[in-house]
Amino acid sequence: PTPHASALQPELTALLDRLSDFLNAAHIFDPQT
């Protein structure tokens, strides 16, 4: 990867995690939390 691609990786990981949370938010319910 180029330096720019390497710099994007942590941001991309966080973005995909947020997207996953967004898509699953209405279908996940944890009474304890």
PDB file of all heavy atoms in Angstrom:
ATOM      1  N   PRO A   1       0.822  -1.204   0.000  1.00  0.00           N
ATOM      2  CA  PRO A   1       0.000   0.000   0.000  1.00  0.00           C
ATOM      3  C   PRO A   1       0.856   1.255   0.000  1.00  0.00           C
ATOM      4  O   PRO A   1       1.948   1.278   0.572  1.00  0.00           O
ATOM      5  CB  PRO A   1      -0.818  -0.123   1.299  1.00  0.00           C
ATOM      6  CG  PRO A   1       0.006  -0.994   2.180  1.00  0.00           C
ATOM      7  CD  PRO A   1       0.723  -1.950   1.277  1.00  0.00           C
ATOM      8  N   THR A   2       0.372   2.288  -0.653  1.00  0.00           N
ATOM      9  CA  THR A   2       1.051   3.575  -0.616  1.00  0.00           C
ATOM     10  C   THR A   2       0.850   4.196   0.763  1.00  0.00           C
ATOM     11  O   THR A   2      -0.017   3.769   1.538  1.00  0.00           O
ATOM     12  CB  THR A   2       0.478   4.514  -1.683  1.00  0.00           C
ATOM     13  OG1 THR A   2      -0.894   4.804  -1.349  1.00  0.00           O
ATOM     14  CG2 THR A   2       0.563   3.905  -3.068  1.00  0.00           C
ATOM     15  N   PRO A   3       1.642   5.218   1.104  1.00  0.00           N
ATOM     16  CA  PRO A   3       1.436   5.887   2.403  1.00  0.00           C
ATOM     17  C   PRO A   3       0.003   6.392   2.576  1.00  0.00           C
ATOM     18  O   PRO A   3      -0.552   6.336   3.678  1.00  0.00           O
ATOM     19  CB  PRO A   3       2.439   7.036   2.358  1.00  0.00           C
ATOM     20  CG  PRO A   3       3.532   6.547   1.469  1.00  0.00           C
ATOM     21  CD  PRO A   3       2.850   5.741   0.412  1.00  0.00           C
ATOM     22  N   HIS A   4      -0.581   6.882   1.491  1.00  0.00           N
ATOM     23  CA  HIS A   4      -1.965   7.381   1.600  1.00  0.00           C
ATOM     24  C   HIS A   4      -2.930   6.245   1.922  1.00  0.00           C
ATOM     25  O   HIS A   4      -3.825   6.396   2.760  1.00  0.00           O
ATOM     26  CB  HIS A   4      -2.364   8.061   0.289  1.00  0.00           C
ATOM     27  CG  HIS A   4      -3.709   8.723   0.363  1.00  0.00           C
ATOM     28  ND1 HIS A   4      -4.020   9.672   1.309  1.00  0.00           N
ATOM     29  CD2 HIS A   4      -4.838   8.557  -0.393  1.00  0.00           C
ATOM     30  CE1 HIS A   4      -5.267  10.070   1.143  1.00  0.00           C
ATOM     31  NE2 HIS A   4      -5.789   9.405   0.104  1.00  0.00           N
ATOM     32  N   ALA A   5      -2.753   5.088   1.261  1.00  0.00           N
ATOM     33  CA  ALA A   5      -3.620   3.940   1.545  1.00  0.00           C
ATOM     34  C   ALA A   5      -3.448   3.467   2.977  1.00  0.00           C
ATOM     35  O   ALA A   5      -4.421   3.131   3.656  1.00  0.00           O
ATOM     36  CB  ALA A   5      -3.330   2.802   0.569  1.00  0.00           C
ATOM     37  N   SER A   6      -2.198   3.448   3.465  1.00  0.00           N
ATOM     38  CA  SER A   6      -1.942   3.029   4.851  1.00  0.00           C
ATOM     39  C   SER A   6      -2.595   3.986   5.835  1.00  0.00           C
ATOM     40  O   SER A   6      -3.119   3.567   6.880  1.00  0.00           O
ATOM     41  CB  SER A   6      -0.435   2.959   5.105  1.00  0.00           C
ATOM     42  OG  SER A   6       0.168   1.952   4.297  1.00  0.00           O
ATOM     43  N   ALA A   7      -2.559   5.290   5.494  1.00  0.00           N
ATOM     44  CA  ALA A   7      -3.181   6.269   6.379  1.00  0.00           C
ATOM     45  C   ALA A   7      -4.697   6.108   6.419  1.00  0.00           C
ATOM     46  O   ALA A   7      -5.343   6.424   7.426  1.00  0.00           O
ATOM     47  CB  ALA A   7      -2.809   7.686   5.929  1.00  0.00           C
ATOM     48  N   LEU A   8      -5.280   5.624   5.332  1.00  0.00           N
ATOM     49  CA  LEU A   8      -6.724   5.438   5.277  1.00  0.00           C
ATOM     50  C   LEU A   8      -7.206   4.232   6.075  1.00  0.00           C
ATOM     51  O   LEU A   8      -8.375   4.173   6.477  1.00  0.00           O
ATOM     52  CB  LEU A   8      -7.177   5.267   3.827  1.00  0.00           C
ATOM     53  CG  LEU A   8      -7.098   6.489   2.914  1.00  0.00           C
ATOM     54  CD1 LEU A   8      -7.506   6.086   1.499  1.00  0.00           C
ATOM     55  CD2 LEU A   8      -7.983   7.606   3.422  1.00  0.00           C
ATOM     56  N   GLN A   9      -6.328   3.252   6.309  1.00  0.00           N
ATOM     57  CA  GLN A   9      -6.784   1.973   6.869  1.00  0.00           C
ATOM     58  C   GLN A   9      -7.488   2.120   8.220  1.00  0.00           C
ATOM     59  O   GLN A   9      -8.586   1.577   8.401  1.00  0.00           O
ATOM     60  CB  GLN A   9      -5.626   0.991   6.974  1.00  0.00           C
ATOM     61  CG  GLN A   9      -6.091  -0.403   7.428  1.00  0.00           C
ATOM     62  CD  GLN A   9      -5.031  -1.469   7.201  1.00  0.00           C
ATOM     63  OE1 GLN A   9      -3.854  -1.150   7.048  1.00  0.00           O
ATOM     64  NE2 GLN A   9      -5.439  -2.717   7.163  1.00  0.00           N
ATOM     65  N   PRO A  10      -6.926   2.822   9.219  1.00  0.00           N
ATOM     66  CA  PRO A  10      -7.667   2.916  10.491  1.00  0.00           C
ATOM     67  C   PRO A  10      -8.991   3.656  10.348  1.00  0.00           C
ATOM     68  O   PRO A  10      -9.975   3.314  11.005  1.00  0.00           O
ATOM     69  CB  PRO A  10      -6.695   3.672  11.413  1.00  0.00           C
ATOM     70  CG  PRO A  10      -5.721   4.360  10.506  1.00  0.00           C
ATOM     71  CD  PRO A  10      -5.597   3.480   9.310  1.00  0.00           C
ATOM     72  N   GLU A  11      -9.001   4.685   9.470  1.00  0.00           N
ATOM     73  CA  GLU A  11     -10.252   5.404   9.245  1.00  0.00           C
ATOM     74  C   GLU A  11     -11.281   4.507   8.557  1.00  0.00           C
ATOM     75  O   GLU A  11     -12.467   4.538   8.892  1.00  0.00           O
ATOM     76  CB  GLU A  11      -9.998   6.646   8.389  1.00  0.00           C
ATOM     77  CG  GLU A  11      -9.006   7.633   8.984  1.00  0.00           C
ATOM     78  CD  GLU A  11      -9.605   8.425  10.137  1.00  0.00           C
ATOM     79  OE1 GLU A  11     -10.773   8.163  10.490  1.00  0.00           O
ATOM     80  OE2 GLU A  11      -8.911   9.291  10.680  1.00  0.00           O
ATOM     81  N   LEU A  12     -10.830   3.717   7.605  1.00  0.00           N
ATOM     82  CA  LEU A  12     -11.729   2.814   6.893  1.00  0.00           C
ATOM     83  C   LEU A  12     -12.298   1.753   7.831  1.00  0.00           C
ATOM     84  O   LEU A  12     -13.487   1.434   7.791  1.00  0.00           O
ATOM     85  CB  LEU A  12     -10.983   2.156   5.730  1.00  0.00           C
ATOM     86  CG  LEU A  12     -11.757   1.105   4.926  1.00  0.00           C
ATOM     87  CD1 LEU A  12     -12.988   1.730   4.275  1.00  0.00           C
ATOM     88  CD2 LEU A  12     -10.860   0.464   3.876  1.00  0.00           C
ATOM     89  N   THR A  13     -11.445   1.204   8.695  1.00  0.00           N
ATOM     90  CA  THR A  13     -11.905   0.200   9.654  1.00  0.00           C
ATOM     91  C   THR A  13     -12.988   0.779  10.562  1.00  0.00           C
ATOM     92  O   THR A  13     -14.025   0.150  10.807  1.00  0.00           O
ATOM     93  CB  THR A  13     -10.732  -0.312  10.492  1.00  0.00           C
ATOM     94  OG1 THR A  13      -9.762  -0.914   9.630  1.00  0.00           O
ATOM     95  CG2 THR A  13     -11.201  -1.337  11.526  1.00  0.00           C
ATOM     96  N   ALA A  14     -12.743   1.998  11.056  1.00  0.00           N
ATOM     97  CA  ALA A  14     -13.737   2.641  11.926  1.00  0.00           C
ATOM     98  C   ALA A  14     -15.031   2.914  11.171  1.00  0.00           C
ATOM     99  O   ALA A  14     -16.136   2.742  11.710  1.00  0.00           O
ATOM    100  CB  ALA A  14     -13.170   3.943  12.493  1.00  0.00           C
ATOM    101  N   LEU A  15     -14.911   3.335   9.914  1.00  0.00           N
ATOM    102  CA  LEU A  15     -16.090   3.628   9.115  1.00  0.00           C
ATOM    103  C   LEU A  15     -16.927   2.379   8.872  1.00  0.00           C
ATOM    104  O   LEU A  15     -18.155   2.398   9.013  1.00  0.00           O
ATOM    105  CB  LEU A  15     -15.662   4.243   7.781  1.00  0.00           C
ATOM    106  CG  LEU A  15     -16.780   4.561   6.780  1.00  0.00           C
ATOM    107  CD1 LEU A  15     -17.778   5.543   7.386  1.00  0.00           C
ATOM    108  CD2 LEU A  15     -16.193   5.117   5.498  1.00  0.00           C
ATOM    109  N   LEU A  16     -16.284   1.273   8.539  1.00  0.00           N
ATOM    110  CA  LEU A  16     -17.022   0.027   8.305  1.00  0.00           C
ATOM    111  C   LEU A  16     -17.659  -0.485   9.593  1.00  0.00           C
ATOM    112  O   LEU A  16     -18.756  -1.052   9.578  1.00  0.00           O
ATOM    113  CB  LEU A  16     -16.098  -1.031   7.698  1.00  0.00           C
ATOM    114  CG  LEU A  16     -15.636  -0.747   6.263  1.00  0.00           C
ATOM    115  CD1 LEU A  16     -14.630  -1.792   5.803  1.00  0.00           C
ATOM    116  CD2 LEU A  16     -16.820  -0.690   5.302  1.00  0.00           C
ATOM    117  N   ASP A  17     -16.959  -0.287  10.705  1.00  0.00           N
ATOM    118  CA  ASP A  17     -17.550  -0.669  11.996  1.00  0.00           C
ATOM    119  C   ASP A  17     -18.804   0.148  12.270  1.00  0.00           C
ATOM    120  O   ASP A  17     -19.822  -0.378  12.752  1.00  0.00           O
ATOM    121  CB  ASP A  17     -16.537  -0.473  13.122  1.00  0.00           C
ATOM    122  CG  ASP A  17     -15.444  -1.536  13.115  1.00  0.00           C
ATOM    123  OD1 ASP A  17     -15.635  -2.577  12.446  1.00  0.00           O
ATOM    124  OD2 ASP A  17     -14.400  -1.311  13.759  1.00  0.00           O
ATOM    125  N   ARG A  18     -18.721   1.437  11.967  1.00  0.00           N
ATOM    126  CA  ARG A  18     -19.891   2.300  12.195  1.00  0.00           C
ATOM    127  C   ARG A  18     -21.036   1.911  11.272  1.00  0.00           C
ATOM    128  O   ARG A  18     -22.210   1.921  11.672  1.00  0.00           O
ATOM    129  CB  ARG A  18     -19.522   3.761  11.974  1.00  0.00           C
ATOM    130  CG  ARG A  18     -18.618   4.337  13.063  1.00  0.00           C
ATOM    131  CD  ARG A  18     -18.548   5.839  12.959  1.00  0.00           C
ATOM    132  NE  ARG A  18     -19.855   6.426  13.209  1.00  0.00           N
ATOM    133  CZ  ARG A  18     -20.114   7.732  13.090  1.00  0.00           C
ATOM    134  NH1 ARG A  18     -19.152   8.548  12.699  1.00  0.00           N
ATOM    135  NH2 ARG A  18     -21.313   8.204  13.339  1.00  0.00           N
ATOM    136  N   LEU A  19     -20.702   1.572  10.047  1.00  0.00           N
ATOM    137  CA  LEU A  19     -21.744   1.143   9.122  1.00  0.00           C
ATOM    138  C   LEU A  19     -22.392  -0.144   9.601  1.00  0.00           C
ATOM    139  O   LEU A  19     -23.607  -0.306   9.544  1.00  0.00           O
ATOM    140  CB  LEU A  19     -21.157   0.952   7.724  1.00  0.00           C
ATOM    141  CG  LEU A  19     -22.125   0.423   6.658  1.00  0.00           C
ATOM    142  CD1 LEU A  19     -23.308   1.363   6.500  1.00  0.00           C
ATOM    143  CD2 LEU A  19     -21.415   0.225   5.328  1.00  0.00           C
ATOM    144  N   SER A  20     -21.578  -1.076  10.107  1.00  0.00           N
ATOM    145  CA  SER A  20     -22.117  -2.328  10.631  1.00  0.00           C
ATOM    146  C   SER A  20     -23.042  -2.065  11.812  1.00  0.00           C
ATOM    147  O   SER A  20     -24.130  -2.648  11.918  1.00  0.00           O
ATOM    148  CB  SER A  20     -20.973  -3.266  11.043  1.00  0.00           C
ATOM    149  OG  SER A  20     -21.472  -4.456  11.605  1.00  0.00           O
ATOM    150  N   ASP A  21     -22.607  -1.152  12.704  1.00  0.00           N
ATOM    151  CA  ASP A  21     -23.457  -0.795  13.845  1.00  0.00           C
ATOM    152  C   ASP A  21     -24.759  -0.163  13.372  1.00  0.00           C
ATOM    153  O   ASP A  21     -25.833  -0.420  13.924  1.00  0.00           O
ATOM    154  CB  ASP A  21     -22.718   0.174  14.774  1.00  0.00           C
ATOM    155  CG  ASP A  21     -21.539  -0.491  15.473  1.00  0.00           C
ATOM    156  OD1 ASP A  21     -21.502  -1.735  15.520  1.00  0.00           O
ATOM    157  OD2 ASP A  21     -20.663   0.248  15.964  1.00  0.00           O
ATOM    158  N   PHE A  22     -24.654   0.693  12.345  1.00  0.00           N
ATOM    159  CA  PHE A  22     -25.836   1.363  11.810  1.00  0.00           C
ATOM    160  C   PHE A  22     -26.837   0.346  11.258  1.00  0.00           C
ATOM    161  O   PHE A  22     -28.042   0.442  11.504  1.00  0.00           O
ATOM    162  CB  PHE A  22     -25.404   2.337  10.709  1.00  0.00           C
ATOM    163  CG  PHE A  22     -26.536   2.947   9.933  1.00  0.00           C
ATOM    164  CD1 PHE A  22     -27.288   3.977  10.466  1.00  0.00           C
ATOM    165  CD2 PHE A  22     -26.862   2.476   8.665  1.00  0.00           C
ATOM    166  CE1 PHE A  22     -28.337   4.542   9.754  1.00  0.00           C
ATOM    167  CE2 PHE A  22     -27.899   3.026   7.951  1.00  0.00           C
ATOM    168  CZ  PHE A  22     -28.643   4.065   8.494  1.00  0.00           C
ATOM    169  N   LEU A  23     -26.330  -0.621  10.509  1.00  0.00           N
ATOM    170  CA  LEU A  23     -27.216  -1.607   9.897  1.00  0.00           C
ATOM    171  C   LEU A  23     -27.822  -2.551  10.916  1.00  0.00           C
ATOM    172  O   LEU A  23     -28.921  -3.074  10.716  1.00  0.00           O
ATOM    173  CB  LEU A  23     -26.451  -2.406   8.836  1.00  0.00           C
ATOM    174  CG  LEU A  23     -25.959  -1.611   7.621  1.00  0.00           C
ATOM    175  CD1 LEU A  23     -25.105  -2.489   6.721  1.00  0.00           C
ATOM    176  CD2 LEU A  23     -27.142  -1.041   6.846  1.00  0.00           C
ATOM    177  N   ASN A  24     -27.104  -2.807  12.014  1.00  0.00           N
ATOM    178  CA  ASN A  24     -27.568  -3.781  12.997  1.00  0.00           C
ATOM    179  C   ASN A  24     -28.258  -3.154  14.192  1.00  0.00           C
ATOM    180  O   ASN A  24     -28.805  -3.872  15.033  1.00  0.00           O
ATOM    181  CB  ASN A  24     -26.388  -4.627  13.505  1.00  0.00           C
ATOM    182  CG  ASN A  24     -25.830  -5.534  12.440  1.00  0.00           C
ATOM    183  OD1 ASN A  24     -26.561  -6.053  11.612  1.00  0.00           O
ATOM    184  ND2 ASN A  24     -24.520  -5.715  12.430  1.00  0.00           N
ATOM    185  N   ALA A  25     -28.247  -1.810  14.274  1.00  0.00           N
ATOM    186  CA  ALA A  25     -28.734  -1.149  15.480  1.00  0.00           C
ATOM    187  C   ALA A  25     -30.157  -1.548  15.828  1.00  0.00           C
ATOM    188  O   ALA A  25     -30.483  -1.788  16.986  1.00  0.00           O
ATOM    189  CB  ALA A  25     -28.630   0.365  15.323  1.00  0.00           C
ATOM    190  N   ALA A  26     -31.032  -1.603  14.829  1.00  0.00           N
ATOM    191  CA  ALA A  26     -32.437  -1.892  15.102  1.00  0.00           C
ATOM    192  C   ALA A  26     -32.694  -3.369  15.365  1.00  0.00           C
ATOM    193  O   ALA A  26     -33.782  -3.741  15.785  1.00  0.00           O
ATOM    194  CB  ALA A  26     -33.301  -1.429  13.922  1.00  0.00           C
ATOM    195  N   HIS A  27     -31.703  -4.237  15.124  1.00  0.00           N
ATOM    196  CA  HIS A  27     -31.928  -5.675  15.253  1.00  0.00           C
ATOM    197  C   HIS A  27     -31.157  -6.283  16.421  1.00  0.00           C
ATOM    198  O   HIS A  27     -31.190  -7.484  16.608  1.00  0.00           O
ATOM    199  CB  HIS A  27     -31.526  -6.379  13.958  1.00  0.00           C
ATOM    200  CG  HIS A  27     -32.333  -5.925  12.775  1.00  0.00           C
ATOM    201  ND1 HIS A  27     -33.628  -6.328  12.560  1.00  0.00           N
ATOM    202  CD2 HIS A  27     -32.039  -5.080  11.756  1.00  0.00           C
ATOM    203  CE1 HIS A  27     -34.098  -5.769  11.465  1.00  0.00           C
ATOM    204  NE2 HIS A  27     -33.161  -5.005  10.952  1.00  0.00           N
ATOM    205  N   ILE A  28     -30.452  -5.457  17.170  1.00  0.00           N
ATOM    206  CA  ILE A  28     -29.689  -5.951  18.307  1.00  0.00           C
ATOM    207  C   ILE A  28     -30.217  -5.279  19.570  1.00  0.00           C
ATOM    208  O   ILE A  28     -30.321  -4.057  19.630  1.00  0.00           O
ATOM    209  CB  ILE A  28     -28.183  -5.666  18.145  1.00  0.00           C
ATOM    210  CG1 ILE A  28     -27.638  -6.399  16.916  1.00  0.00           C
ATOM    211  CG2 ILE A  28     -27.422  -6.072  19.398  1.00  0.00           C
ATOM    212  CD1 ILE A  28     -26.179  -6.094  16.632  1.00  0.00           C
ATOM    213  N   PHE A  29     -30.552  -6.072  20.556  1.00  0.00           N
ATOM    214  CA  PHE A  29     -31.025  -5.523  21.822  1.00  0.00           C
ATOM    215  C   PHE A  29     -30.407  -6.308  22.953  1.00  0.00           C
ATOM    216  O   PHE A  29     -30.535  -7.538  23.016  1.00  0.00           O
ATOM    217  CB  PHE A  29     -32.558  -5.597  21.904  1.00  0.00           C
ATOM    218  CG  PHE A  29     -33.087  -5.167  23.245  1.00  0.00           C
ATOM    219  CD1 PHE A  29     -33.035  -3.841  23.628  1.00  0.00           C
ATOM    220  CD2 PHE A  29     -33.630  -6.097  24.117  1.00  0.00           C
ATOM    221  CE1 PHE A  29     -33.516  -3.440  24.865  1.00  0.00           C
ATOM    222  CE2 PHE A  29     -34.114  -5.717  25.354  1.00  0.00           C
ATOM    223  CZ  PHE A  29     -34.062  -4.381  25.725  1.00  0.00           C
ATOM    224  N   ASP A  30     -29.723  -5.622  23.833  1.00  0.00           N
ATOM    225  CA  ASP A  30     -29.097  -6.241  24.987  1.00  0.00           C
ATOM    226  C   ASP A  30     -29.733  -5.661  26.244  1.00  0.00           C
ATOM    227  O   ASP A  30     -29.477  -4.512  26.602  1.00  0.00           O
ATOM    228  CB  ASP A  30     -27.590  -5.968  24.988  1.00  0.00           C
ATOM    229  CG  ASP A  30     -26.884  -6.646  26.158  1.00  0.00           C
ATOM    230  OD1 ASP A  30     -27.562  -7.346  26.938  1.00  0.00           O
ATOM    231  OD2 ASP A  30     -25.659  -6.468  26.307  1.00  0.00           O
ATOM    232  N   PRO A  31     -30.591  -6.413  26.926  1.00  0.00           N
ATOM    233  CA  PRO A  31     -31.253  -5.886  28.117  1.00  0.00           C
ATOM    234  C   PRO A  31     -30.267  -5.403  29.181  1.00  0.00           C
ATOM    235  O   PRO A  31     -30.544  -4.427  29.884  1.00  0.00           O
ATOM    236  CB  PRO A  31     -32.080  -7.078  28.625  1.00  0.00           C
ATOM    237  CG  PRO A  31     -32.262  -7.951  27.439  1.00  0.00           C
ATOM    238  CD  PRO A  31     -31.019  -7.792  26.618  1.00  0.00           C
ATOM    239  N   GLN A  32     -29.132  -6.062  29.306  1.00  0.00           N
ATOM    240  CA  GLN A  32     -28.182  -5.713  30.361  1.00  0.00           C
ATOM    241  C   GLN A  32     -27.568  -4.329  30.173  1.00  0.00           C
ATOM    242  O   GLN A  32     -27.173  -3.690  31.146  1.00  0.00           O
ATOM    243  CB  GLN A  32     -27.059  -6.760  30.429  1.00  0.00           C
ATOM    244  CG  GLN A  32     -27.474  -8.056  31.085  1.00  0.00           C
ATOM    245  CD  GLN A  32     -27.808  -7.880  32.560  1.00  0.00           C
ATOM    246  OE1 GLN A  32     -27.120  -7.156  33.285  1.00  0.00           O
ATOM    247  NE2 GLN A  32     -28.863  -8.549  33.019  1.00  0.00           N
ATOM    248  N   THR A  33     -27.497  -3.853  28.938  1.00  0.00           N
ATOM    249  CA  THR A  33     -26.838  -2.563  28.692  1.00  0.00           C
ATOM    250  C   THR A  33     -27.800  -1.480  28.211  1.00  0.00           C
ATOM    251  O   THR A  33     -27.414  -0.310  28.157  1.00  0.00           O
ATOM    252  CB  THR A  33     -25.734  -2.724  27.629  1.00  0.00           C
ATOM    253  OG1 THR A  33     -26.315  -3.217  26.398  1.00  0.00           O
ATOM    254  CG2 THR A  33     -24.679  -3.709  28.115  1.00  0.00           C
TER     255      THR A  33
END
